[in-house]
Amino acid sequence: MDADTLRALDAERYVSLVTFRRDGRAVPTPVWWALAGDRFYVFTEAASGKMKRLRNDPRVRLVGCDWRGKTHGPAFTGRAQRTEDPAVVERAYAALRRKYGWQMRVTDFFSRLAGRIEGRAILEIEVEGPAP
């Protein structure tokens, strides 16, 4: 993907991250995401359904959406995988904090308070191109 398209995608506040069940059914989830380099990053619970689906099928579809998941604009295809490299994880969190500011800091605070921050996973997403 070219840099201009990646920056335009990064301007979306929320994205509908669509993962696929074993039988091929799509499962959309609105998420925060942020661009770092040429990859997008998302945080989620490591035990979430989307993580289980991605272990079986790394394909994703991405569409801009509102906080409720109502989509708008063009769809893109990509591949997602969990990253555990500390340098990549820190770069991902830095990008998310830059983009979401105080909201990300508040989310982190309450996740730490509830003891759930250690159960997070970072997804690294490579956008491949427009969806057919």
N, C-alpha and C. Protein backbone atom coordinates (compact mmCIF):
# COMPACT_ATOMS: atom_id res chain seq x y z
N MET A 1 0.84 -1.19 0.00
CA MET A 1 0.00 0.00 0.00
C MET A 1 0.88 1.24 0.00
N ASP A 2 0.41 2.27 -0.68
CA ASP A 2 1.18 3.51 -0.71
C ASP A 2 0.95 4.30 0.58
N ALA A 3 1.89 5.16 0.89
CA ALA A 3 1.89 5.91 2.16
C ALA A 3 0.66 6.80 2.30
N ASP A 4 0.19 7.41 1.21
CA ASP A 4 -0.98 8.29 1.29
C ASP A 4 -2.23 7.52 1.69
N THR A 5 -2.40 6.33 1.14
CA THR A 5 -3.56 5.50 1.48
C THR A 5 -3.48 5.07 2.94
N LEU A 6 -2.28 4.69 3.40
CA LEU A 6 -2.12 4.29 4.80
C LEU A 6 -2.45 5.45 5.74
N ARG A 7 -2.00 6.66 5.41
CA ARG A 7 -2.30 7.82 6.26
C ARG A 7 -3.79 8.13 6.25
N ALA A 8 -4.44 7.98 5.10
CA ALA A 8 -5.89 8.21 5.02
C ALA A 8 -6.63 7.19 5.88
N LEU A 9 -6.19 5.94 5.86
CA LEU A 9 -6.80 4.93 6.71
C LEU A 9 -6.58 5.24 8.18
N ASP A 10 -5.40 5.72 8.52
CA ASP A 10 -5.08 6.03 9.91
C ASP A 10 -5.94 7.18 10.43
N ALA A 11 -6.48 8.00 9.55
CA ALA A 11 -7.35 9.10 9.97
C ALA A 11 -8.67 8.60 10.54
N GLU A 12 -9.03 7.35 10.23
CA GLU A 12 -10.26 6.77 10.78
C GLU A 12 -10.09 6.58 12.29
N ARG A 13 -11.04 7.08 13.05
CA ARG A 13 -10.99 6.94 14.51
C ARG A 13 -11.21 5.49 14.94
N TYR A 14 -12.14 4.83 14.29
CA TYR A 14 -12.43 3.42 14.55
C TYR A 14 -12.39 2.67 13.23
N VAL A 15 -12.09 1.40 13.32
CA VAL A 15 -12.14 0.54 12.14
C VAL A 15 -12.87 -0.73 12.53
N SER A 16 -13.67 -1.23 11.61
CA SER A 16 -14.32 -2.51 11.81
C SER A 16 -13.31 -3.57 11.37
N LEU A 17 -12.81 -4.31 12.35
CA LEU A 17 -11.86 -5.39 12.09
C LEU A 17 -12.67 -6.66 11.93
N VAL A 18 -12.70 -7.18 10.72
CA VAL A 18 -13.49 -8.37 10.42
C VAL A 18 -12.57 -9.57 10.39
N THR A 19 -12.84 -10.53 11.28
CA THR A 19 -12.12 -11.80 11.30
C THR A 19 -13.09 -12.87 10.84
N PHE A 20 -12.56 -14.06 10.55
CA PHE A 20 -13.39 -15.10 9.94
C PHE A 20 -13.39 -16.37 10.77
N ARG A 21 -14.60 -16.92 10.97
CA ARG A 21 -14.74 -18.20 11.65
C ARG A 21 -14.27 -19.31 10.74
N ARG A 22 -14.13 -20.51 11.30
CA ARG A 22 -13.70 -21.67 10.51
C ARG A 22 -14.62 -21.95 9.34
N ASP A 23 -15.92 -21.68 9.53
CA ASP A 23 -16.88 -21.94 8.45
C ASP A 23 -16.96 -20.79 7.44
N GLY A 24 -16.12 -19.76 7.63
CA GLY A 24 -16.05 -18.65 6.68
C GLY A 24 -16.90 -17.45 7.03
N ARG A 25 -17.75 -17.56 8.06
CA ARG A 25 -18.59 -16.42 8.44
C ARG A 25 -17.73 -15.29 9.00
N ALA A 26 -18.08 -14.07 8.61
CA ALA A 26 -17.35 -12.88 9.04
C ALA A 26 -17.87 -12.41 10.40
N VAL A 27 -16.93 -11.96 11.26
CA VAL A 27 -17.27 -11.42 12.58
C VAL A 27 -16.63 -10.04 12.70
N PRO A 28 -17.42 -8.96 12.58
CA PRO A 28 -16.86 -7.61 12.69
C PRO A 28 -16.77 -7.13 14.13
N THR A 29 -15.71 -6.38 14.44
CA THR A 29 -15.52 -5.79 15.75
C THR A 29 -14.95 -4.39 15.57
N PRO A 30 -15.62 -3.34 16.09
CA PRO A 30 -15.03 -2.00 16.01
C PRO A 30 -13.86 -1.89 16.99
N VAL A 31 -12.72 -1.39 16.52
CA VAL A 31 -11.53 -1.28 17.35
C VAL A 31 -10.82 0.04 17.08
N TRP A 32 -9.99 0.44 18.07
CA TRP A 32 -9.04 1.53 17.85
C TRP A 32 -7.87 0.93 17.11
N TRP A 33 -7.23 1.74 16.29
CA TRP A 33 -6.02 1.28 15.62
C TRP A 33 -5.13 2.46 15.34
N ALA A 34 -3.85 2.19 15.16
CA ALA A 34 -2.89 3.27 14.90
C ALA A 34 -1.80 2.77 13.97
N LEU A 35 -1.33 3.67 13.13
CA LEU A 35 -0.28 3.39 12.16
C LEU A 35 1.09 3.68 12.77
N ALA A 36 2.02 2.74 12.57
CA ALA A 36 3.42 2.93 12.94
C ALA A 36 4.23 2.31 11.81
N GLY A 37 4.94 3.15 11.07
CA GLY A 37 5.64 2.65 9.89
C GLY A 37 4.63 2.30 8.81
N ASP A 38 4.68 1.07 8.33
CA ASP A 38 3.73 0.66 7.30
C ASP A 38 2.76 -0.41 7.82
N ARG A 39 2.63 -0.50 9.14
CA ARG A 39 1.74 -1.48 9.76
C ARG A 39 0.78 -0.77 10.72
N PHE A 40 -0.39 -1.36 10.88
CA PHE A 40 -1.36 -0.88 11.85
C PHE A 40 -1.31 -1.78 13.08
N TYR A 41 -1.64 -1.20 14.23
CA TYR A 41 -1.62 -1.95 15.48
C TYR A 41 -2.93 -1.77 16.22
N VAL A 42 -3.37 -2.87 16.84
CA VAL A 42 -4.61 -2.94 17.61
C VAL A 42 -4.28 -3.66 18.90
N PHE A 43 -4.89 -3.24 20.01
CA PHE A 43 -4.75 -4.03 21.23
C PHE A 43 -6.08 -4.71 21.53
N THR A 44 -5.99 -5.89 22.11
CA THR A 44 -7.18 -6.66 22.44
C THR A 44 -6.85 -7.63 23.56
N GLU A 45 -7.85 -8.26 24.11
CA GLU A 45 -7.62 -9.31 25.11
C GLU A 45 -7.01 -10.52 24.41
N ALA A 46 -5.98 -11.09 24.99
CA ALA A 46 -5.31 -12.24 24.38
C ALA A 46 -6.24 -13.44 24.26
N ALA A 47 -7.23 -13.53 25.14
CA ALA A 47 -8.16 -14.66 25.11
C ALA A 47 -9.46 -14.34 24.36
N SER A 48 -9.48 -13.25 23.62
CA SER A 48 -10.71 -12.86 22.93
C SER A 48 -11.01 -13.77 21.75
N GLY A 49 -12.25 -13.72 21.33
CA GLY A 49 -12.67 -14.51 20.17
C GLY A 49 -11.90 -14.16 18.92
N LYS A 50 -11.60 -12.88 18.72
CA LYS A 50 -10.88 -12.50 17.50
C LYS A 50 -9.48 -13.11 17.47
N MET A 51 -8.85 -13.23 18.64
CA MET A 51 -7.53 -13.86 18.69
C MET A 51 -7.62 -15.34 18.31
N LYS A 52 -8.64 -16.01 18.80
CA LYS A 52 -8.83 -17.42 18.46
C LYS A 52 -9.07 -17.57 16.96
N ARG A 53 -9.90 -16.70 16.40
CA ARG A 53 -10.18 -16.77 14.96
C ARG A 53 -8.92 -16.49 14.14
N LEU A 54 -8.09 -15.54 14.59
CA LEU A 54 -6.88 -15.20 13.84
C LEU A 54 -5.84 -16.31 13.89
N ARG A 55 -5.84 -17.10 14.93
CA ARG A 55 -4.92 -18.24 14.97
C ARG A 55 -5.25 -19.25 13.86
N ASN A 56 -6.53 -19.35 13.52
CA ASN A 56 -6.96 -20.28 12.48
C ASN A 56 -6.90 -19.67 11.08
N ASP A 57 -7.10 -18.35 10.98
CA ASP A 57 -7.14 -17.68 9.68
C ASP A 57 -6.68 -16.23 9.86
N PRO A 58 -5.49 -15.88 9.38
CA PRO A 58 -4.96 -14.53 9.61
C PRO A 58 -5.58 -13.45 8.71
N ARG A 59 -6.45 -13.84 7.79
CA ARG A 59 -7.07 -12.84 6.90
C ARG A 59 -7.98 -11.91 7.69
N VAL A 60 -7.97 -10.63 7.34
CA VAL A 60 -8.89 -9.65 7.93
C VAL A 60 -9.42 -8.75 6.83
N ARG A 61 -10.56 -8.15 7.12
CA ARG A 61 -11.11 -7.09 6.27
C ARG A 61 -11.26 -5.88 7.17
N LEU A 62 -10.95 -4.72 6.66
CA LEU A 62 -10.94 -3.48 7.42
C LEU A 62 -11.81 -2.45 6.74
N VAL A 63 -12.70 -1.83 7.52
CA VAL A 63 -13.59 -0.79 6.99
C VAL A 63 -13.72 0.27 8.06
N GLY A 64 -13.62 1.54 7.67
CA GLY A 64 -13.84 2.61 8.63
C GLY A 64 -15.24 2.48 9.22
N CYS A 65 -15.39 2.86 10.51
CA CYS A 65 -16.70 2.74 11.16
C CYS A 65 -16.81 3.74 12.30
N ASP A 66 -18.02 3.83 12.88
CA ASP A 66 -18.19 4.63 14.09
C ASP A 66 -18.01 3.71 15.31
N TRP A 67 -18.16 4.24 16.50
CA TRP A 67 -17.89 3.46 17.71
C TRP A 67 -18.85 2.29 17.89
N ARG A 68 -20.00 2.34 17.20
CA ARG A 68 -20.96 1.23 17.27
C ARG A 68 -20.71 0.17 16.22
N GLY A 69 -19.83 0.46 15.27
CA GLY A 69 -19.53 -0.51 14.22
C GLY A 69 -20.22 -0.24 12.91
N LYS A 70 -20.95 0.88 12.79
CA LYS A 70 -21.61 1.22 11.52
C LYS A 70 -20.54 1.66 10.52
N THR A 71 -20.40 0.88 9.46
CA THR A 71 -19.29 1.09 8.52
C THR A 71 -19.58 2.20 7.51
N HIS A 72 -18.49 2.74 6.99
CA HIS A 72 -18.55 3.75 5.92
C HIS A 72 -17.23 3.68 5.15
N GLY A 73 -17.27 4.05 3.91
CA GLY A 73 -16.05 4.10 3.11
C GLY A 73 -15.65 2.75 2.54
N PRO A 74 -14.51 2.74 1.87
CA PRO A 74 -14.05 1.52 1.20
C PRO A 74 -13.51 0.48 2.18
N ALA A 75 -13.57 -0.77 1.76
CA ALA A 75 -13.04 -1.88 2.56
C ALA A 75 -11.67 -2.28 2.02
N PHE A 76 -10.84 -2.79 2.91
CA PHE A 76 -9.50 -3.24 2.56
C PHE A 76 -9.27 -4.64 3.12
N THR A 77 -8.40 -5.37 2.48
CA THR A 77 -8.02 -6.69 2.98
C THR A 77 -6.64 -6.59 3.61
N GLY A 78 -6.36 -7.54 4.48
CA GLY A 78 -5.05 -7.56 5.12
C GLY A 78 -4.83 -8.86 5.85
N ARG A 79 -3.70 -8.91 6.55
CA ARG A 79 -3.34 -10.06 7.37
C ARG A 79 -2.94 -9.53 8.74
N ALA A 80 -3.37 -10.25 9.77
CA ALA A 80 -3.08 -9.84 11.14
C ALA A 80 -2.39 -10.98 11.87
N GLN A 81 -1.50 -10.60 12.77
CA GLN A 81 -0.84 -11.59 13.61
C GLN A 81 -0.49 -10.93 14.94
N ARG A 82 -0.40 -11.75 15.95
CA ARG A 82 0.01 -11.25 17.26
C ARG A 82 1.50 -11.02 17.24
N THR A 83 1.91 -9.91 17.83
CA THR A 83 3.34 -9.64 17.95
C THR A 83 3.70 -9.60 19.43
N GLU A 84 4.82 -10.21 19.76
CA GLU A 84 5.29 -10.22 21.15
C GLU A 84 6.67 -9.60 21.28
N ASP A 85 7.23 -9.12 20.17
CA ASP A 85 8.53 -8.46 20.19
C ASP A 85 8.39 -7.18 21.04
N PRO A 86 9.15 -7.06 22.14
CA PRO A 86 9.00 -5.89 23.02
C PRO A 86 9.15 -4.55 22.31
N ALA A 87 10.07 -4.45 21.37
CA ALA A 87 10.27 -3.18 20.66
C ALA A 87 9.05 -2.85 19.80
N VAL A 88 8.47 -3.83 19.16
CA VAL A 88 7.28 -3.62 18.32
C VAL A 88 6.08 -3.28 19.20
N VAL A 89 5.95 -3.98 20.32
CA VAL A 89 4.85 -3.72 21.24
C VAL A 89 4.93 -2.28 21.75
N GLU A 90 6.11 -1.83 22.13
CA GLU A 90 6.27 -0.46 22.62
C GLU A 90 5.95 0.55 21.51
N ARG A 91 6.41 0.27 20.29
CA ARG A 91 6.10 1.16 19.15
C ARG A 91 4.59 1.22 18.92
N ALA A 92 3.92 0.09 19.06
CA ALA A 92 2.47 0.04 18.87
C ALA A 92 1.76 0.88 19.94
N TYR A 93 2.14 0.70 21.21
CA TYR A 93 1.53 1.48 22.27
C TYR A 93 1.81 2.97 22.11
N ALA A 94 3.01 3.32 21.68
CA ALA A 94 3.35 4.74 21.46
C ALA A 94 2.44 5.33 20.38
N ALA A 95 2.23 4.59 19.31
CA ALA A 95 1.36 5.06 18.22
C ALA A 95 -0.09 5.21 18.70
N LEU A 96 -0.56 4.24 19.48
CA LEU A 96 -1.92 4.31 20.02
C LEU A 96 -2.07 5.49 20.99
N ARG A 97 -1.06 5.73 21.83
CA ARG A 97 -1.12 6.86 22.76
C ARG A 97 -1.09 8.20 22.01
N ARG A 98 -0.29 8.27 20.95
CA ARG A 98 -0.24 9.49 20.14
C ARG A 98 -1.61 9.77 19.53
N LYS A 99 -2.22 8.75 19.00
CA LYS A 99 -3.49 8.93 18.28
C LYS A 99 -4.66 9.18 19.23
N TYR A 100 -4.74 8.45 20.34
CA TYR A 100 -5.92 8.51 21.21
C TYR A 100 -5.69 9.30 22.49
N GLY A 101 -4.46 9.74 22.73
CA GLY A 101 -4.15 10.65 23.83
C GLY A 101 -4.69 10.23 25.18
N TRP A 102 -5.42 11.15 25.81
CA TRP A 102 -5.92 10.91 27.17
C TRP A 102 -6.83 9.69 27.24
N GLN A 103 -7.57 9.40 26.18
CA GLN A 103 -8.47 8.25 26.20
C GLN A 103 -7.68 6.94 26.34
N MET A 104 -6.55 6.85 25.66
CA MET A 104 -5.72 5.65 25.77
C MET A 104 -5.10 5.56 27.16
N ARG A 105 -4.66 6.69 27.69
CA ARG A 105 -4.07 6.69 29.03
C ARG A 105 -5.09 6.27 30.09
N VAL A 106 -6.33 6.75 29.96
CA VAL A 106 -7.39 6.36 30.90
C VAL A 106 -7.70 4.87 30.76
N THR A 107 -7.76 4.38 29.52
CA THR A 107 -8.00 2.95 29.28
C THR A 107 -6.89 2.12 29.91
N ASP A 108 -5.64 2.54 29.72
CA ASP A 108 -4.51 1.83 30.33
C ASP A 108 -4.61 1.84 31.86
N PHE A 109 -4.95 3.00 32.42
CA PHE A 109 -5.05 3.13 33.87
C PHE A 109 -6.05 2.13 34.44
N PHE A 110 -7.25 2.10 33.87
CA PHE A 110 -8.27 1.19 34.40
C PHE A 110 -7.95 -0.27 34.10
N SER A 111 -7.25 -0.54 33.01
CA SER A 111 -6.82 -1.91 32.74
C SER A 111 -5.80 -2.36 33.78
N ARG A 112 -4.88 -1.46 34.16
CA ARG A 112 -3.91 -1.79 35.21
C ARG A 112 -4.63 -2.00 36.55
N LEU A 113 -5.54 -1.09 36.85
CA LEU A 113 -6.28 -1.16 38.10
C LEU A 113 -7.05 -2.48 38.22
N ALA A 114 -7.63 -2.93 37.13
CA ALA A 114 -8.40 -4.18 37.14
C ALA A 114 -7.52 -5.41 36.97
N GLY A 115 -6.22 -5.21 36.72
CA GLY A 115 -5.31 -6.32 36.53
C GLY A 115 -5.44 -7.01 35.18
N ARG A 116 -6.02 -6.30 34.21
CA ARG A 116 -6.24 -6.92 32.90
C ARG A 116 -5.20 -6.52 31.85
N ILE A 117 -4.34 -5.58 32.17
CA ILE A 117 -3.38 -5.10 31.17
C ILE A 117 -2.40 -6.20 30.77
N GLU A 118 -2.08 -7.09 31.70
CA GLU A 118 -1.16 -8.19 31.38
C GLU A 118 -1.80 -9.21 30.44
N GLY A 119 -3.11 -9.20 30.34
CA GLY A 119 -3.81 -10.12 29.46
C GLY A 119 -4.03 -9.59 28.05
N ARG A 120 -3.42 -8.46 27.76
CA ARG A 120 -3.57 -7.85 26.43
C ARG A 120 -2.65 -8.49 25.41
N ALA A 121 -3.06 -8.38 24.15
CA ALA A 121 -2.23 -8.79 23.03
C ALA A 121 -2.22 -7.63 22.03
N ILE A 122 -1.12 -7.50 21.32
CA ILE A 122 -1.00 -6.51 20.26
C ILE A 122 -1.07 -7.23 18.92
N LEU A 123 -1.99 -6.78 18.07
CA LEU A 123 -2.09 -7.31 16.72
C LEU A 123 -1.38 -6.38 15.76
N GLU A 124 -0.58 -6.96 14.88
CA GLU A 124 0.10 -6.21 13.84
C GLU A 124 -0.64 -6.54 12.54
N ILE A 125 -1.10 -5.50 11.85
CA ILE A 125 -1.91 -5.70 10.65
C ILE A 125 -1.19 -5.11 9.44
N GLU A 126 -1.04 -5.93 8.43
CA GLU A 126 -0.52 -5.46 7.15
C GLU A 126 -1.69 -5.34 6.20
N VAL A 127 -1.94 -4.12 5.73
CA VAL A 127 -3.03 -3.88 4.78
C VAL A 127 -2.50 -4.25 3.40
N GLU A 128 -3.24 -5.12 2.71
CA GLU A 128 -2.79 -5.61 1.40
C GLU A 128 -3.34 -4.79 0.25
N GLY A 129 -4.59 -4.35 0.35
CA GLY A 129 -5.17 -3.57 -0.72
C GLY A 129 -6.67 -3.49 -0.60
N PRO A 130 -7.32 -2.84 -1.57
CA PRO A 130 -8.78 -2.72 -1.54
C PRO A 130 -9.44 -4.10 -1.61
N ALA A 131 -10.54 -4.23 -0.89
CA ALA A 131 -11.29 -5.50 -0.90
C ALA A 131 -12.04 -5.61 -2.23
N PRO A 132 -12.15 -6.83 -2.74
CA PRO A 132 -12.88 -7.01 -4.00
C PRO A 132 -14.37 -6.74 -3.84
